[in-house]
Amino acid sequence: MSVTVIKNARLFDGLAADLRDNAFVVVEGEKIREVGDGDAAVSADRVIDLGGRTLMPGLIDAHVHITATTANIGAIADDPASLTALRAGQIAEDMLLRGFTTVRDAGGADWGLAMAIEEGLIKGPRLFYSGRVLSQTGGHGDARPRVYDWDRCMCCLPSAEFTAIADGVDEVRKAARTELRRGATQIKIMASGGVASPTDPIWNLQYSEEEIAAAVWEATSWRTYVMAHAYTPEAISRCVKLGVRSIEHGNLIDEAAARLMAEKGAWLVPTLVTYDSLHRYGAEYGLPPVSVAKVDDVRLKGLESLEIAKKAGVQMAFGTDLLGGMHKDQSGEFSIRAEVFSPLEVLRCATSDTARLLNREGELGVVAPDAYADLIAVDGNPLDDLTVLEGQGQHIPMVVKGGEIFKLTI
């Protein structure tokens, strides 16, 4: 295996509160072999001198939609699957070049896309994918217009690529088992109304307790978990009580629901940048008018939800949830979170904390021996100024994933 030494770095290891000066990292194959100070006493195939730049773990985004090539999710299946896959490949590569070396796809990506990245057919982050989202009829994942109906198999529905419409315990069980058979690393369900769907109000509760419990049981049987789209306190609390591990968005959370999440050890994945982007130019990128009208229902409560969750001690991960042309705003989540959290808290959230949500503690999100060599170099100190992580990677001259260099402009 080839050995690369990265030296003369100011190291943020994903955990420590301060940078470590004049550090080096030895990469052997896809893993980190050694982390130290000064010069590495090893024979290396390649030496990269960072010149005092910050070295840190690759960023992790726990809520993306790589195949969401338009803000109108229901229209995605109108395009050939081959075209969607090629567009998704470009979205994935752009994420990697922004410094995101791992992402959790919250609906749409599948085994084929994950294998294409793993085999190097396309460039992209490590992909933890949910497969198709589970939604009830008329739920947040049901993108059919009101006049559209279908009483036969669901395989020909316009929303079929993104969603598996499943009603009743038996259908939910089968849908969850199907996605797990297809390699899903977790199951995603829709547990409340949403912005991007045409027929359901935000406050709408979705799936019965029995249906949610069935999805949780199936995921648990595969030693994984359920993530749930949920906005309101009631939707959040129902899910957490039934064993859902990861609550997505949670903009309307209250103190009682936050305390319950903390008590049960559930995770919250806020995605505030998507509402900012949808508010500014959602219509321009294809969001239907009925959805544009719902954006402010959740956008205006975003920062308050962070404050409530932080006060209660809820575990939080980093997520963005952007669609279509808005993917370019992915790194804008850093500045939004900085209004409530310190830069250190935000950086941990986007590295070591989110790795714990993915059940990859010690493997991802840290710069440490035996961790995967997922590394980025940054011009400047993100502990002082998070904006160096924003934009399209202009201040990130090096991106390494699994020991492979995908960007190096030093």
Foldseek 3Di string as FASTA:
>chain_A
DFKEKEWQEQEDFLDDLGTDGGKMWIDDFFFTADIGHHDDPDDHPYYHYLNHFYKYFFFEAAEEALLQQFLQLLCSLVDPPVVSLVSSLVLFQLCQLLRHQYYEYQWQDFPVSQVCCVVVVGPGHNYQYQFAAEFEVLAQQDQDPPVDDDDDDPCPRSSNNTHDHADDQVRLLVVLVVRVVRPHQEHEYEQAHAQQHQGGARHGGGDDLSNLLSNQVNQVVVVHFYEYEHAALVSLQSNLVSGHAEYEANLHHDLVSLLSQQVSQHEYEHAQQQLVVCQVCNVVRPRDPSSSVRSVVRNVSRVVRVVSNVVSVHQYAYHHHHGRPCSQFRLVVQVVCVVPDQLSVSSSRRAQSVCVVSVNHPQTRGRRGPHGPFMWTFGDDSNVPVCSSHGSNPRTQWTAGSNRTPGHDD
